[in-house]
Amino acid sequence: MIQLRHKSASGEQLYRWATVIQALCRAHNALFVVNDRVDIALAADADGVHLGQEDLPAKEARRLLGPKKIMGISVSTPEEAMRAEKEGADYVGFGHIFETSSKEKHSRPLGPEAIAAVKAAVGFPVVAIGGINRENAALTIASGASGIAVIAAISRTAEPESAARELLNLIQRNQ
């Protein structure tokens, strides 16, 4: 799954990127979600949206998206995960698991041991996020994460395709 996330881009720019990314994802049999913006996700016919705790309420987003689109919610506690599930989410992004430079955080990392509590609280995928890389991806999956979300582990390497394949192999070996 590919997520379009750019907090400072205009709606017009996000829509342009979204239409290109959606076409590429369809051509390569990958899912595509838009971060934060239900309007852009719908306009670009994305597969879904990923929302934060401060975004459009999940119940309203689900009403707009309908039952067939994917909706993920960022959470940092089992209680938030249970609320997301109750309000129609299909998965949660749980974290931040490790220190991360991709997003300013005002709290300490939760650590991989926190994944089990969230996994036990909900009946859908828990995607770990925050500071995950090739050194800690296997531990993250072994701790119960259904999947991982990464930015720097792929985007800040000289060989992003190789980095992505290596992470995929680590996940497959540790599930």
C-alpha atoms as a PDB file:
ATOM      1  CA  MET A   1       0.000   0.000   0.000  1.00  0.00           C
ATOM      2  CA  ILE A   2       1.219   3.462  -0.897  1.00  0.00           C
ATOM      3  CA  GLN A   3       0.112   6.492   1.097  1.00  0.00           C
ATOM      4  CA  LEU A   4       0.273  10.030  -0.249  1.00  0.00           C
ATOM      5  CA  ARG A   5       1.253  12.260   2.658  1.00  0.00           C
ATOM      6  CA  HIS A   6       2.307  15.890   2.267  1.00  0.00           C
ATOM      7  CA  LYS A   7       1.017  18.139   5.014  1.00  0.00           C
ATOM      8  CA  SER A   8       1.775  21.473   3.345  1.00  0.00           C
ATOM      9  CA  ALA A   9       0.749  20.777  -0.272  1.00  0.00           C
ATOM     10  CA  SER A  10      -2.273  22.525  -1.715  1.00  0.00           C
ATOM     11  CA  GLY A  11      -5.432  20.588  -2.500  1.00  0.00           C
ATOM     12  CA  GLU A  12      -4.752  21.085  -6.202  1.00  0.00           C
ATOM     13  CA  GLN A  13      -1.233  19.675  -5.936  1.00  0.00           C
ATOM     14  CA  LEU A  14      -2.393  16.729  -3.806  1.00  0.00           C
ATOM     15  CA  TYR A  15      -5.080  15.923  -6.356  1.00  0.00           C
ATOM     16  CA  ARG A  16      -2.556  15.999  -9.232  1.00  0.00           C
ATOM     17  CA  TRP A  17      -0.161  13.714  -7.368  1.00  0.00           C
ATOM     18  CA  ALA A  18      -3.018  11.450  -6.277  1.00  0.00           C
ATOM     19  CA  THR A  19      -4.246  10.834  -9.817  1.00  0.00           C
ATOM     20  CA  VAL A  20      -0.745   9.915 -10.995  1.00  0.00           C
ATOM     21  CA  ILE A  21      -0.038   7.696  -7.983  1.00  0.00           C
ATOM     22  CA  GLN A  22      -3.423   5.971  -8.256  1.00  0.00           C
ATOM     23  CA  ALA A  23      -2.744   5.105 -11.902  1.00  0.00           C
ATOM     24  CA  LEU A  24       0.683   3.710 -11.019  1.00  0.00           C
ATOM     25  CA  CYS A  25      -0.696   1.717  -8.094  1.00  0.00           C
ATOM     26  CA  ARG A  26      -3.424   0.195 -10.254  1.00  0.00           C
ATOM     27  CA  ALA A  27      -0.874  -0.696 -12.932  1.00  0.00           C
ATOM     28  CA  HIS A  28       1.243  -2.477 -10.308  1.00  0.00           C
ATOM     29  CA  ASN A  29      -1.594  -4.057  -8.301  1.00  0.00           C
ATOM     30  CA  ALA A  30      -0.943  -1.934  -5.215  1.00  0.00           C
ATOM     31  CA  LEU A  31      -3.413  -0.189  -2.937  1.00  0.00           C
ATOM     32  CA  PHE A  32      -3.357   3.592  -2.651  1.00  0.00           C
ATOM     33  CA  VAL A  33      -4.581   5.770   0.226  1.00  0.00           C
ATOM     34  CA  VAL A  34      -4.470   9.506   0.798  1.00  0.00           C
ATOM     35  CA  ASN A  35      -3.409  10.861   4.174  1.00  0.00           C
ATOM     36  CA  ASP A  36      -5.870  13.133   6.003  1.00  0.00           C
ATOM     37  CA  ARG A  37      -7.914  14.245   2.977  1.00  0.00           C
ATOM     38  CA  VAL A  38     -11.164  12.373   2.295  1.00  0.00           C
ATOM     39  CA  ASP A  39     -12.007  14.879  -0.464  1.00  0.00           C
ATOM     40  CA  ILE A  40      -8.786  14.197  -2.368  1.00  0.00           C
ATOM     41  CA  ALA A  41      -9.149  10.437  -1.881  1.00  0.00           C
ATOM     42  CA  LEU A  42     -12.658  10.527  -3.346  1.00  0.00           C
ATOM     43  CA  ALA A  43     -11.791  12.905  -6.188  1.00  0.00           C
ATOM     44  CA  ALA A  44      -8.840  10.772  -7.273  1.00  0.00           C
ATOM     45  CA  ASP A  45     -10.755   7.507  -6.753  1.00  0.00           C
ATOM     46  CA  ALA A  46      -8.088   6.336  -4.308  1.00  0.00           C
ATOM     47  CA  ASP A  47      -8.616   3.014  -2.572  1.00  0.00           C
ATOM     48  CA  GLY A  48      -9.037   4.850   0.697  1.00  0.00           C
ATOM     49  CA  VAL A  49      -7.839   7.325   3.273  1.00  0.00           C
ATOM     50  CA  HIS A  50      -5.692   7.324   6.402  1.00  0.00           C
ATOM     51  CA  LEU A  51      -6.798   9.716   9.149  1.00  0.00           C
ATOM     52  CA  GLY A  52      -5.162  11.094  12.251  1.00  0.00           C
ATOM     53  CA  GLN A  53      -6.810  11.795  15.580  1.00  0.00           C
ATOM     54  CA  GLU A  54      -7.262  15.477  14.648  1.00  0.00           C
ATOM     55  CA  ASP A  55      -8.785  14.857  11.194  1.00  0.00           C
ATOM     56  CA  LEU A  56     -12.373  14.414  10.084  1.00  0.00           C
ATOM     57  CA  PRO A  57     -14.115  12.115  12.589  1.00  0.00           C
ATOM     58  CA  ALA A  58     -13.986   8.485  11.488  1.00  0.00           C
ATOM     59  CA  LYS A  59     -17.782   8.073  11.479  1.00  0.00           C
ATOM     60  CA  GLU A  60     -18.158  10.996   9.067  1.00  0.00           C
ATOM     61  CA  ALA A  61     -15.270   9.818   6.913  1.00  0.00           C
ATOM     62  CA  ARG A  62     -16.828   6.341   6.670  1.00  0.00           C
ATOM     63  CA  ARG A  63     -20.179   7.863   5.722  1.00  0.00           C
ATOM     64  CA  LEU A  64     -18.531   9.814   2.894  1.00  0.00           C
ATOM     65  CA  LEU A  65     -16.269   6.978   1.750  1.00  0.00           C
ATOM     66  CA  GLY A  66     -18.908   4.268   1.843  1.00  0.00           C
ATOM     67  CA  PRO A  67     -18.264   0.672   2.854  1.00  0.00           C
ATOM     68  CA  LYS A  68     -15.929  -0.337   0.015  1.00  0.00           C
ATOM     69  CA  LYS A  69     -13.114   2.186   0.527  1.00  0.00           C
ATOM     70  CA  ILE A  70     -10.278   1.538   2.980  1.00  0.00           C
ATOM     71  CA  MET A  71     -10.083   3.694   6.093  1.00  0.00           C
ATOM     72  CA  GLY A  72      -7.126   3.625   8.443  1.00  0.00           C
ATOM     73  CA  ILE A  73      -6.728   5.629  11.643  1.00  0.00           C
ATOM     74  CA  SER A  74      -3.552   6.629  13.477  1.00  0.00           C
ATOM     75  CA  VAL A  75      -3.658   5.603  17.139  1.00  0.00           C
ATOM     76  CA  SER A  76      -1.331   5.507  20.105  1.00  0.00           C
ATOM     77  CA  THR A  77      -3.398   3.579  22.661  1.00  0.00           C
ATOM     78  CA  PRO A  78      -5.549   0.430  22.749  1.00  0.00           C
ATOM     79  CA  GLU A  79      -8.546   2.636  23.598  1.00  0.00           C
ATOM     80  CA  GLU A  80      -8.075   4.750  20.466  1.00  0.00           C
ATOM     81  CA  ALA A  81      -7.747   1.549  18.423  1.00  0.00           C
ATOM     82  CA  MET A  82     -11.010   0.156  19.824  1.00  0.00           C
ATOM     83  CA  ARG A  83     -12.784   3.445  19.055  1.00  0.00           C
ATOM     84  CA  ALA A  84     -11.379   3.394  15.497  1.00  0.00           C
ATOM     85  CA  GLU A  85     -12.668  -0.137  14.989  1.00  0.00           C
ATOM     86  CA  LYS A  86     -16.099   0.773  16.366  1.00  0.00           C
ATOM     87  CA  GLU A  87     -16.276   3.796  14.053  1.00  0.00           C
ATOM     88  CA  GLY A  88     -15.589   1.803  10.894  1.00  0.00           C
ATOM     89  CA  ALA A  89     -11.822   1.729  10.399  1.00  0.00           C
ATOM     90  CA  ASP A  90     -10.311  -1.178   8.483  1.00  0.00           C
ATOM     91  CA  TYR A  91      -6.926  -0.964  10.200  1.00  0.00           C
ATOM     92  CA  VAL A  92      -4.944   1.218  12.574  1.00  0.00           C
ATOM     93  CA  GLY A  93      -1.505   2.728  12.259  1.00  0.00           C
ATOM     94  CA  PHE A  94      -0.059   2.336  15.746  1.00  0.00           C
ATOM     95  CA  GLY A  95       2.915   4.261  17.027  1.00  0.00           C
ATOM     96  CA  HIS A  96       5.318   5.771  17.166  1.00  0.00           C
ATOM     97  CA  ILE A  97       7.197   2.580  17.953  1.00  0.00           C
ATOM     98  CA  PHE A  98      10.779   3.915  17.736  1.00  0.00           C
ATOM     99  CA  GLU A  99      12.400   7.360  17.509  1.00  0.00           C
ATOM    100  CA  THR A 100      11.567   8.929  14.166  1.00  0.00           C
ATOM    101  CA  SER A 101      12.807  11.897  12.206  1.00  0.00           C
ATOM    102  CA  SER A 102       9.909  11.898   9.735  1.00  0.00           C
ATOM    103  CA  LYS A 103       7.478  13.618  12.081  1.00  0.00           C
ATOM    104  CA  GLU A 104       7.966  15.776  15.177  1.00  0.00           C
ATOM    105  CA  LYS A 105       6.884  13.855  18.271  1.00  0.00           C
ATOM    106  CA  HIS A 106       6.324  15.202  21.777  1.00  0.00           C
ATOM    107  CA  SER A 107       6.153  11.837  23.462  1.00  0.00           C
ATOM    108  CA  ARG A 108       8.499   8.927  23.984  1.00  0.00           C
ATOM    109  CA  PRO A 109       8.399   5.971  21.585  1.00  0.00           C
ATOM    110  CA  LEU A 110       5.955   3.271  22.659  1.00  0.00           C
ATOM    111  CA  GLY A 111       8.322   0.403  21.853  1.00  0.00           C
ATOM    112  CA  PRO A 112       7.507  -2.869  20.094  1.00  0.00           C
ATOM    113  CA  GLU A 113       6.198  -4.442  23.313  1.00  0.00           C
ATOM    114  CA  ALA A 114       3.179  -2.076  23.157  1.00  0.00           C
ATOM    115  CA  ILE A 115       1.967  -3.666  19.908  1.00  0.00           C
ATOM    116  CA  ALA A 116       0.574  -6.754  21.660  1.00  0.00           C
ATOM    117  CA  ALA A 117      -1.891  -4.731  23.764  1.00  0.00           C
ATOM    118  CA  VAL A 118      -3.347  -3.011  20.713  1.00  0.00           C
ATOM    119  CA  LYS A 119      -3.430  -6.252  18.733  1.00  0.00           C
ATOM    120  CA  ALA A 120      -5.359  -7.902  21.593  1.00  0.00           C
ATOM    121  CA  ALA A 121      -7.867  -5.027  21.723  1.00  0.00           C
ATOM    122  CA  VAL A 122      -8.999  -5.132  18.085  1.00  0.00           C
ATOM    123  CA  GLY A 123      -9.920  -7.663  15.450  1.00  0.00           C
ATOM    124  CA  PHE A 124      -8.281  -6.043  12.440  1.00  0.00           C
ATOM    125  CA  PRO A 125      -4.738  -5.243  11.207  1.00  0.00           C
ATOM    126  CA  VAL A 126      -2.390  -3.210  13.371  1.00  0.00           C
ATOM    127  CA  VAL A 127       0.261  -1.504  11.256  1.00  0.00           C
ATOM    128  CA  ALA A 128       3.265  -0.326  13.261  1.00  0.00           C
ATOM    129  CA  ILE A 129       4.618   3.109  12.426  1.00  0.00           C
ATOM    130  CA  GLY A 130       7.458   5.323  13.524  1.00  0.00           C
ATOM    131  CA  GLY A 131      11.179   4.785  13.150  1.00  0.00           C
ATOM    132  CA  ILE A 132      10.867   1.334  11.609  1.00  0.00           C
ATOM    133  CA  ASN A 133      13.800   0.264   9.470  1.00  0.00           C
ATOM    134  CA  ARG A 134      15.657  -2.862   8.370  1.00  0.00           C
ATOM    135  CA  GLU A 135      17.317  -3.198  11.781  1.00  0.00           C
ATOM    136  CA  ASN A 136      14.046  -3.342  13.743  1.00  0.00           C
ATOM    137  CA  ALA A 137      11.387  -4.453  11.219  1.00  0.00           C
ATOM    138  CA  ALA A 138      11.687  -8.150  12.121  1.00  0.00           C
ATOM    139  CA  LEU A 139      11.297  -7.398  15.843  1.00  0.00           C
ATOM    140  CA  THR A 140       8.270  -5.226  15.071  1.00  0.00           C
ATOM    141  CA  ILE A 141       6.534  -8.004  13.138  1.00  0.00           C
ATOM    142  CA  ALA A 142       7.541 -10.612  15.717  1.00  0.00           C
ATOM    143  CA  SER A 143       5.946  -8.363  18.377  1.00  0.00           C
ATOM    144  CA  GLY A 144       2.570  -8.749  16.687  1.00  0.00           C
ATOM    145  CA  ALA A 145       2.310  -6.028  14.049  1.00  0.00           C
ATOM    146  CA  SER A 146       0.325  -7.050  10.974  1.00  0.00           C
ATOM    147  CA  GLY A 147       2.520  -4.789   8.874  1.00  0.00           C
ATOM    148  CA  ILE A 148       4.848  -1.812   8.999  1.00  0.00           C
ATOM    149  CA  ALA A 149       4.701   1.726   7.651  1.00  0.00           C
ATOM    150  CA  VAL A 150       7.976   3.316   6.627  1.00  0.00           C
ATOM    151  CA  ILE A 151       9.227   6.536   5.118  1.00  0.00           C
ATOM    152  CA  ALA A 152      12.946   7.022   5.703  1.00  0.00           C
ATOM    153  CA  ALA A 153      13.740   3.304   5.505  1.00  0.00           C
ATOM    154  CA  ILE A 154      12.990   3.522   1.787  1.00  0.00           C
ATOM    155  CA  SER A 155      13.025   7.183   0.771  1.00  0.00           C
ATOM    156  CA  ARG A 156      16.349   8.066   2.351  1.00  0.00           C
ATOM    157  CA  THR A 157      18.376   5.270   0.779  1.00  0.00           C
ATOM    158  CA  ALA A 158      20.452   5.255  -2.379  1.00  0.00           C
ATOM    159  CA  GLU A 159      18.528   2.177  -3.586  1.00  0.00           C
ATOM    160  CA  PRO A 160      14.849   2.527  -2.584  1.00  0.00           C
ATOM    161  CA  GLU A 161      13.705  -0.502  -4.593  1.00  0.00           C
ATOM    162  CA  SER A 162      16.290  -2.744  -2.917  1.00  0.00           C
ATOM    163  CA  ALA A 163      15.376  -1.334   0.494  1.00  0.00           C
ATOM    164  CA  ALA A 164      11.684  -2.042  -0.116  1.00  0.00           C
ATOM    165  CA  ARG A 165      12.409  -5.613  -1.249  1.00  0.00           C
ATOM    166  CA  GLU A 166      14.621  -6.209   1.790  1.00  0.00           C
ATOM    167  CA  LEU A 167      11.877  -5.001   4.142  1.00  0.00           C
ATOM    168  CA  LEU A 168       9.319  -7.189   2.379  1.00  0.00           C
ATOM    169  CA  ASN A 169      11.592 -10.211   2.803  1.00  0.00           C
ATOM    170  CA  LEU A 170      12.078  -9.424   6.499  1.00  0.00           C
ATOM    171  CA  ILE A 171       8.306  -9.213   6.990  1.00  0.00           C
ATOM    172  CA  GLN A 172       7.633 -12.457   5.147  1.00  0.00           C
ATOM    173  CA  ARG A 173      10.288 -14.330   7.142  1.00  0.00           C
ATOM    174  CA  ASN A 174       8.940 -13.085  10.482  1.00  0.00           C
ATOM    175  CA  GLN A 175       5.173 -13.448  10.103  1.00  0.00           C
END
